Amino acid sequence: MSQRDGFASGFFAGAIVGSVVGGVVGALITQRRDLELIQEDSELTNGTAEAKKTNILKRHQMKAAENEGMEIETARRSLEDKIAQLNATIDEVRKQLLNVNTNSTESLSDQASRSDELR
């Protein structure tokens, strides 16, 4: 019984410590990102040629990422269409094979009945 009590208190203590540590790490990361954004804004407002170049490069990178995402979406749609075509073809072949198997079974039973009539 004492082990269960120790487990529960340890579990809750770990959850509280983990929450505090996670909150501190998150706050530090957020603060660092805010400082980087403030520095970028100050560079852009100063109008330096270097800042403008980096801004243009970032825009190009963002556009390239968007285009890549659109290419992936187009490829996904194309693959879905091809899969649908393959499924339709598989269904047609399955129906044809079912008809062939049904006809061959009927012909075998017809042959058996004919041989019975001849006896």
N, C-alpha and C. Protein backbone atom coordinates (compact mmCIF):
# COMPACT_ATOMS: atom_id res chain seq x y z
N MET A 1 0.82 -1.18 0.00
CA MET A 1 0.00 0.00 0.00
C MET A 1 0.86 1.25 0.00
N SER A 2 2.00 1.22 0.70
CA SER A 2 2.86 2.40 0.78
C SER A 2 3.53 2.68 -0.56
N GLN A 3 3.76 1.63 -1.34
CA GLN A 3 4.36 1.83 -2.66
C GLN A 3 3.40 2.59 -3.57
N ARG A 4 2.14 2.30 -3.48
CA ARG A 4 1.14 3.00 -4.30
C ARG A 4 1.06 4.46 -3.90
N ASP A 5 1.10 4.72 -2.62
CA ASP A 5 1.06 6.10 -2.15
C ASP A 5 2.30 6.85 -2.62
N GLY A 6 3.44 6.21 -2.57
CA GLY A 6 4.68 6.83 -3.03
C GLY A 6 4.64 7.08 -4.54
N PHE A 7 4.05 6.17 -5.27
CA PHE A 7 3.94 6.33 -6.71
C PHE A 7 3.07 7.52 -7.06
N ALA A 8 1.93 7.62 -6.42
CA ALA A 8 1.00 8.71 -6.72
C ALA A 8 1.62 10.06 -6.41
N SER A 9 2.27 10.19 -5.26
CA SER A 9 2.88 11.47 -4.91
C SER A 9 4.04 11.79 -5.85
N GLY A 10 4.80 10.79 -6.23
CA GLY A 10 5.90 11.00 -7.18
C GLY A 10 5.39 11.38 -8.56
N PHE A 11 4.29 10.77 -8.95
CA PHE A 11 3.69 11.08 -10.24
C PHE A 11 3.23 12.53 -10.29
N PHE A 12 2.54 12.95 -9.27
CA PHE A 12 2.05 14.33 -9.25
C PHE A 12 3.21 15.33 -9.14
N ALA A 13 4.21 15.00 -8.37
CA ALA A 13 5.38 15.88 -8.25
C ALA A 13 6.07 16.00 -9.61
N GLY A 14 6.22 14.89 -10.31
CA GLY A 14 6.83 14.91 -11.64
C GLY A 14 6.03 15.72 -12.63
N ALA A 15 4.71 15.60 -12.56
CA ALA A 15 3.85 16.37 -13.45
C ALA A 15 3.99 17.86 -13.19
N ILE A 16 4.05 18.23 -11.94
CA ILE A 16 4.18 19.66 -11.59
C ILE A 16 5.54 20.19 -12.01
N VAL A 17 6.61 19.45 -11.72
CA VAL A 17 7.96 19.89 -12.10
C VAL A 17 8.07 19.96 -13.63
N GLY A 18 7.53 18.98 -14.32
CA GLY A 18 7.57 18.97 -15.78
C GLY A 18 6.82 20.15 -16.38
N SER A 19 5.69 20.50 -15.78
CA SER A 19 4.92 21.65 -16.25
C SER A 19 5.70 22.94 -16.07
N VAL A 20 6.33 23.08 -14.92
CA VAL A 20 7.10 24.30 -14.65
C VAL A 20 8.28 24.40 -15.62
N VAL A 21 9.02 23.31 -15.80
CA VAL A 21 10.17 23.33 -16.70
C VAL A 21 9.72 23.60 -18.14
N GLY A 22 8.65 22.96 -18.57
CA GLY A 22 8.12 23.19 -19.92
C GLY A 22 7.68 24.63 -20.12
N GLY A 23 7.05 25.21 -19.11
CA GLY A 23 6.63 26.60 -19.21
C GLY A 23 7.81 27.55 -19.31
N VAL A 24 8.86 27.31 -18.52
CA VAL A 24 10.05 28.17 -18.56
C VAL A 24 10.73 28.06 -19.92
N VAL A 25 10.89 26.84 -20.43
CA VAL A 25 11.54 26.65 -21.73
C VAL A 25 10.72 27.32 -22.83
N GLY A 26 9.41 27.17 -22.79
CA GLY A 26 8.55 27.81 -23.78
C GLY A 26 8.65 29.32 -23.73
N ALA A 27 8.69 29.88 -22.53
CA ALA A 27 8.81 31.33 -22.39
C ALA A 27 10.14 31.83 -22.93
N LEU A 28 11.23 31.10 -22.67
CA LEU A 28 12.54 31.50 -23.18
C LEU A 28 12.59 31.45 -24.70
N ILE A 29 12.04 30.41 -25.28
CA ILE A 29 12.03 30.29 -26.74
C ILE A 29 11.20 31.40 -27.36
N THR A 30 10.05 31.68 -26.78
CA THR A 30 9.20 32.75 -27.29
C THR A 30 9.89 34.09 -27.19
N GLN A 31 10.56 34.34 -26.08
CA GLN A 31 11.27 35.61 -25.90
C GLN A 31 12.38 35.75 -26.93
N ARG A 32 13.11 34.70 -27.18
CA ARG A 32 14.20 34.73 -28.16
C ARG A 32 13.65 35.03 -29.56
N ARG A 33 12.55 34.39 -29.92
CA ARG A 33 11.95 34.64 -31.23
C ARG A 33 11.44 36.07 -31.35
N ASP A 34 10.87 36.59 -30.28
CA ASP A 34 10.41 37.98 -30.29
C ASP A 34 11.58 38.94 -30.51
N LEU A 35 12.70 38.67 -29.85
CA LEU A 35 13.87 39.52 -30.02
C LEU A 35 14.38 39.48 -31.45
N GLU A 36 14.38 38.29 -32.06
CA GLU A 36 14.81 38.16 -33.45
C GLU A 36 13.89 38.94 -34.38
N LEU A 37 12.59 38.88 -34.14
CA LEU A 37 11.64 39.63 -34.96
C LEU A 37 11.83 41.13 -34.80
N ILE A 38 12.10 41.57 -33.59
CA ILE A 38 12.32 43.00 -33.36
C ILE A 38 13.58 43.45 -34.09
N GLN A 39 14.63 42.64 -34.06
CA GLN A 39 15.87 42.99 -34.77
C GLN A 39 15.62 43.05 -36.28
N GLU A 40 14.88 42.11 -36.82
CA GLU A 40 14.57 42.12 -38.24
C GLU A 40 13.77 43.36 -38.62
N ASP A 41 12.80 43.70 -37.79
CA ASP A 41 11.99 44.89 -38.06
C ASP A 41 12.85 46.15 -38.05
N SER A 42 13.78 46.24 -37.09
CA SER A 42 14.62 47.43 -37.02
C SER A 42 15.54 47.50 -38.23
N GLU A 43 16.03 46.36 -38.71
CA GLU A 43 16.87 46.34 -39.90
C GLU A 43 16.07 46.79 -41.12
N LEU A 44 14.83 46.31 -41.22
CA LEU A 44 14.01 46.67 -42.37
C LEU A 44 13.63 48.15 -42.35
N THR A 45 13.38 48.69 -41.18
CA THR A 45 13.01 50.11 -41.10
C THR A 45 14.21 51.01 -41.36
N ASN A 46 15.43 50.54 -41.08
CA ASN A 46 16.62 51.32 -41.39
C ASN A 46 16.84 51.41 -42.90
N GLY A 47 16.31 50.44 -43.62
CA GLY A 47 16.38 50.48 -45.08
C GLY A 47 17.73 50.10 -45.64
N THR A 48 18.48 49.32 -44.94
CA THR A 48 19.79 48.91 -45.45
C THR A 48 19.58 47.96 -46.63
N ALA A 49 20.51 47.99 -47.54
CA ALA A 49 20.43 47.16 -48.73
C ALA A 49 20.50 45.68 -48.37
N GLU A 50 21.30 45.38 -47.36
CA GLU A 50 21.43 43.99 -46.93
C GLU A 50 20.12 43.45 -46.37
N ALA A 51 19.44 44.26 -45.59
CA ALA A 51 18.17 43.85 -45.01
C ALA A 51 17.13 43.63 -46.10
N LYS A 52 17.15 44.50 -47.10
CA LYS A 52 16.20 44.35 -48.21
C LYS A 52 16.48 43.06 -48.97
N LYS A 53 17.76 42.75 -49.17
CA LYS A 53 18.12 41.51 -49.87
C LYS A 53 17.65 40.28 -49.10
N THR A 54 17.87 40.30 -47.79
CA THR A 54 17.44 39.15 -46.99
C THR A 54 15.92 39.03 -47.00
N ASN A 55 15.23 40.17 -47.00
CA ASN A 55 13.78 40.15 -47.06
C ASN A 55 13.30 39.55 -48.39
N ILE A 56 13.95 39.96 -49.47
CA ILE A 56 13.59 39.42 -50.79
C ILE A 56 13.87 37.92 -50.85
N LEU A 57 15.02 37.50 -50.29
CA LEU A 57 15.35 36.07 -50.28
C LEU A 57 14.33 35.27 -49.47
N LYS A 58 13.89 35.82 -48.36
CA LYS A 58 12.90 35.14 -47.55
C LYS A 58 11.58 35.00 -48.31
N ARG A 59 11.21 36.04 -49.02
CA ARG A 59 9.97 35.98 -49.82
C ARG A 59 10.07 34.91 -50.89
N HIS A 60 11.24 34.86 -51.56
CA HIS A 60 11.44 33.84 -52.59
C HIS A 60 11.37 32.43 -52.00
N GLN A 61 11.96 32.27 -50.83
CA GLN A 61 11.92 30.97 -50.17
C GLN A 61 10.49 30.58 -49.81
N MET A 62 9.72 31.55 -49.34
CA MET A 62 8.33 31.27 -48.99
C MET A 62 7.52 30.90 -50.24
N LYS A 63 7.76 31.61 -51.33
CA LYS A 63 7.06 31.29 -52.58
C LYS A 63 7.45 29.91 -53.08
N ALA A 64 8.74 29.58 -52.98
CA ALA A 64 9.20 28.26 -53.40
C ALA A 64 8.55 27.17 -52.56
N ALA A 65 8.43 27.42 -51.27
CA ALA A 65 7.79 26.43 -50.39
C ALA A 65 6.31 26.28 -50.75
N GLU A 66 5.64 27.39 -51.08
CA GLU A 66 4.23 27.31 -51.49
C GLU A 66 4.10 26.54 -52.79
N ASN A 67 5.00 26.82 -53.76
CA ASN A 67 4.95 26.10 -55.03
C ASN A 67 5.19 24.61 -54.84
N GLU A 68 6.11 24.29 -53.95
CA GLU A 68 6.39 22.88 -53.67
C GLU A 68 5.15 22.21 -53.07
N GLY A 69 4.48 22.93 -52.19
CA GLY A 69 3.26 22.39 -51.60
C GLY A 69 2.18 22.17 -52.65
N MET A 70 2.10 23.09 -53.61
CA MET A 70 1.11 22.95 -54.68
C MET A 70 1.48 21.78 -55.58
N GLU A 71 2.78 21.59 -55.84
CA GLU A 71 3.22 20.46 -56.66
C GLU A 71 2.89 19.14 -55.97
N ILE A 72 3.08 19.09 -54.68
CA ILE A 72 2.77 17.88 -53.93
C ILE A 72 1.28 17.59 -54.00
N GLU A 73 0.46 18.64 -53.86
CA GLU A 73 -0.99 18.46 -53.93
C GLU A 73 -1.42 17.96 -55.31
N THR A 74 -0.80 18.52 -56.36
CA THR A 74 -1.12 18.08 -57.72
C THR A 74 -0.73 16.62 -57.92
N ALA A 75 0.44 16.25 -57.43
CA ALA A 75 0.88 14.85 -57.54
C ALA A 75 -0.04 13.93 -56.77
N ARG A 76 -0.49 14.36 -55.59
CA ARG A 76 -1.39 13.54 -54.78
C ARG A 76 -2.72 13.31 -55.52
N ARG A 77 -3.24 14.38 -56.11
CA ARG A 77 -4.51 14.25 -56.85
C ARG A 77 -4.35 13.33 -58.06
N SER A 78 -3.21 13.46 -58.74
CA SER A 78 -2.95 12.60 -59.90
C SER A 78 -2.89 11.14 -59.47
N LEU A 79 -2.21 10.88 -58.36
CA LEU A 79 -2.13 9.50 -57.87
C LEU A 79 -3.50 8.97 -57.46
N GLU A 80 -4.32 9.81 -56.84
CA GLU A 80 -5.67 9.38 -56.47
C GLU A 80 -6.48 9.02 -57.70
N ASP A 81 -6.35 9.81 -58.78
CA ASP A 81 -7.06 9.51 -60.02
C ASP A 81 -6.60 8.18 -60.60
N LYS A 82 -5.30 7.96 -60.60
CA LYS A 82 -4.77 6.70 -61.13
C LYS A 82 -5.23 5.51 -60.30
N ILE A 83 -5.27 5.68 -59.00
CA ILE A 83 -5.73 4.60 -58.13
C ILE A 83 -7.20 4.29 -58.41
N ALA A 84 -8.00 5.33 -58.62
CA ALA A 84 -9.42 5.12 -58.94
C ALA A 84 -9.56 4.37 -60.26
N GLN A 85 -8.74 4.73 -61.25
CA GLN A 85 -8.78 4.02 -62.54
C GLN A 85 -8.38 2.55 -62.36
N LEU A 86 -7.34 2.30 -61.58
CA LEU A 86 -6.92 0.92 -61.34
C LEU A 86 -8.00 0.12 -60.63
N ASN A 87 -8.66 0.73 -59.65
CA ASN A 87 -9.73 0.04 -58.94
C ASN A 87 -10.88 -0.29 -59.89
N ALA A 88 -11.22 0.64 -60.79
CA ALA A 88 -12.30 0.38 -61.75
C ALA A 88 -11.91 -0.76 -62.68
N THR A 89 -10.66 -0.78 -63.13
CA THR A 89 -10.18 -1.84 -64.00
C THR A 89 -10.20 -3.18 -63.28
N ILE A 90 -9.78 -3.19 -62.04
CA ILE A 90 -9.79 -4.43 -61.24
C ILE A 90 -11.21 -4.94 -61.10
N ASP A 91 -12.17 -4.06 -60.85
CA ASP A 91 -13.57 -4.48 -60.74
C ASP A 91 -14.08 -5.08 -62.04
N GLU A 92 -13.71 -4.47 -63.19
CA GLU A 92 -14.14 -5.01 -64.48
C GLU A 92 -13.56 -6.40 -64.71
N VAL A 93 -12.28 -6.58 -64.42
CA VAL A 93 -11.64 -7.88 -64.62
C VAL A 93 -12.25 -8.91 -63.69
N ARG A 94 -12.55 -8.50 -62.46
CA ARG A 94 -13.17 -9.41 -61.51
C ARG A 94 -14.53 -9.89 -62.02
N LYS A 95 -15.32 -8.97 -62.60
CA LYS A 95 -16.63 -9.34 -63.15
C LYS A 95 -16.46 -10.29 -64.33
N GLN A 96 -15.49 -10.01 -65.19
CA GLN A 96 -15.25 -10.88 -66.34
C GLN A 96 -14.84 -12.28 -65.88
N LEU A 97 -13.97 -12.34 -64.90
CA LEU A 97 -13.55 -13.65 -64.40
C LEU A 97 -14.70 -14.39 -63.74
N LEU A 98 -15.56 -13.67 -63.06
CA LEU A 98 -16.73 -14.29 -62.45
C LEU A 98 -17.64 -14.86 -63.52
N ASN A 99 -17.82 -14.12 -64.61
CA ASN A 99 -18.65 -14.62 -65.72
C ASN A 99 -18.01 -15.84 -66.36
N VAL A 100 -16.69 -15.82 -66.54
CA VAL A 100 -16.00 -16.96 -67.14
C VAL A 100 -16.12 -18.18 -66.23
N ASN A 101 -15.92 -17.99 -64.93
CA ASN A 101 -16.01 -19.11 -64.00
C ASN A 101 -17.44 -19.63 -63.93
N THR A 102 -18.43 -18.76 -63.96
CA THR A 102 -19.83 -19.18 -63.91
C THR A 102 -20.18 -19.97 -65.16
N ASN A 103 -19.73 -19.49 -66.33
CA ASN A 103 -20.01 -20.19 -67.59
C ASN A 103 -19.31 -21.54 -67.63
N SER A 104 -18.10 -21.63 -67.15
CA SER A 104 -17.38 -22.91 -67.18
C SER A 104 -18.03 -23.89 -66.22
N THR A 105 -18.54 -23.44 -65.09
CA THR A 105 -19.22 -24.31 -64.14
C THR A 105 -20.51 -24.82 -64.74
N GLU A 106 -21.23 -23.95 -65.44
CA GLU A 106 -22.48 -24.36 -66.09
C GLU A 106 -22.20 -25.37 -67.19
N SER A 107 -21.14 -25.15 -67.96
CA SER A 107 -20.82 -26.07 -69.05
C SER A 107 -20.41 -27.43 -68.49
N LEU A 108 -19.72 -27.46 -67.36
CA LEU A 108 -19.35 -28.73 -66.74
C LEU A 108 -20.60 -29.48 -66.26
N SER A 109 -21.54 -28.74 -65.68
CA SER A 109 -22.76 -29.41 -65.23
C SER A 109 -23.58 -29.88 -66.42
N ASP A 110 -23.58 -29.13 -67.53
CA ASP A 110 -24.27 -29.57 -68.74
C ASP A 110 -23.64 -30.84 -69.28
N GLN A 111 -22.31 -30.89 -69.28
CA GLN A 111 -21.62 -32.09 -69.76
C GLN A 111 -21.91 -33.29 -68.88
N ALA A 112 -22.00 -33.04 -67.58
CA ALA A 112 -22.29 -34.14 -66.67
C ALA A 112 -23.70 -34.65 -66.90
N SER A 113 -24.64 -33.76 -67.12
CA SER A 113 -26.01 -34.21 -67.35
C SER A 113 -26.13 -34.95 -68.68
N ARG A 114 -25.39 -34.53 -69.70
CA ARG A 114 -25.41 -35.21 -70.99
C ARG A 114 -24.83 -36.61 -70.86
N SER A 115 -23.74 -36.73 -70.09
CA SER A 115 -23.14 -38.05 -69.94
C SER A 115 -24.07 -38.96 -69.15
N ASP A 116 -24.86 -38.39 -68.21
CA ASP A 116 -25.82 -39.19 -67.47
C ASP A 116 -26.94 -39.66 -68.39
N GLU A 117 -27.32 -38.82 -69.35
CA GLU A 117 -28.39 -39.19 -70.29
C GLU A 117 -27.91 -40.29 -71.21
N LEU A 118 -26.66 -40.29 -71.58
CA LEU A 118 -26.13 -41.30 -72.49
C LEU A 118 -26.02 -42.67 -71.78
N ARG A 119 -25.92 -42.70 -70.52
CA ARG A 119 -25.78 -43.96 -69.80
C ARG A 119 -27.07 -44.63 -69.71
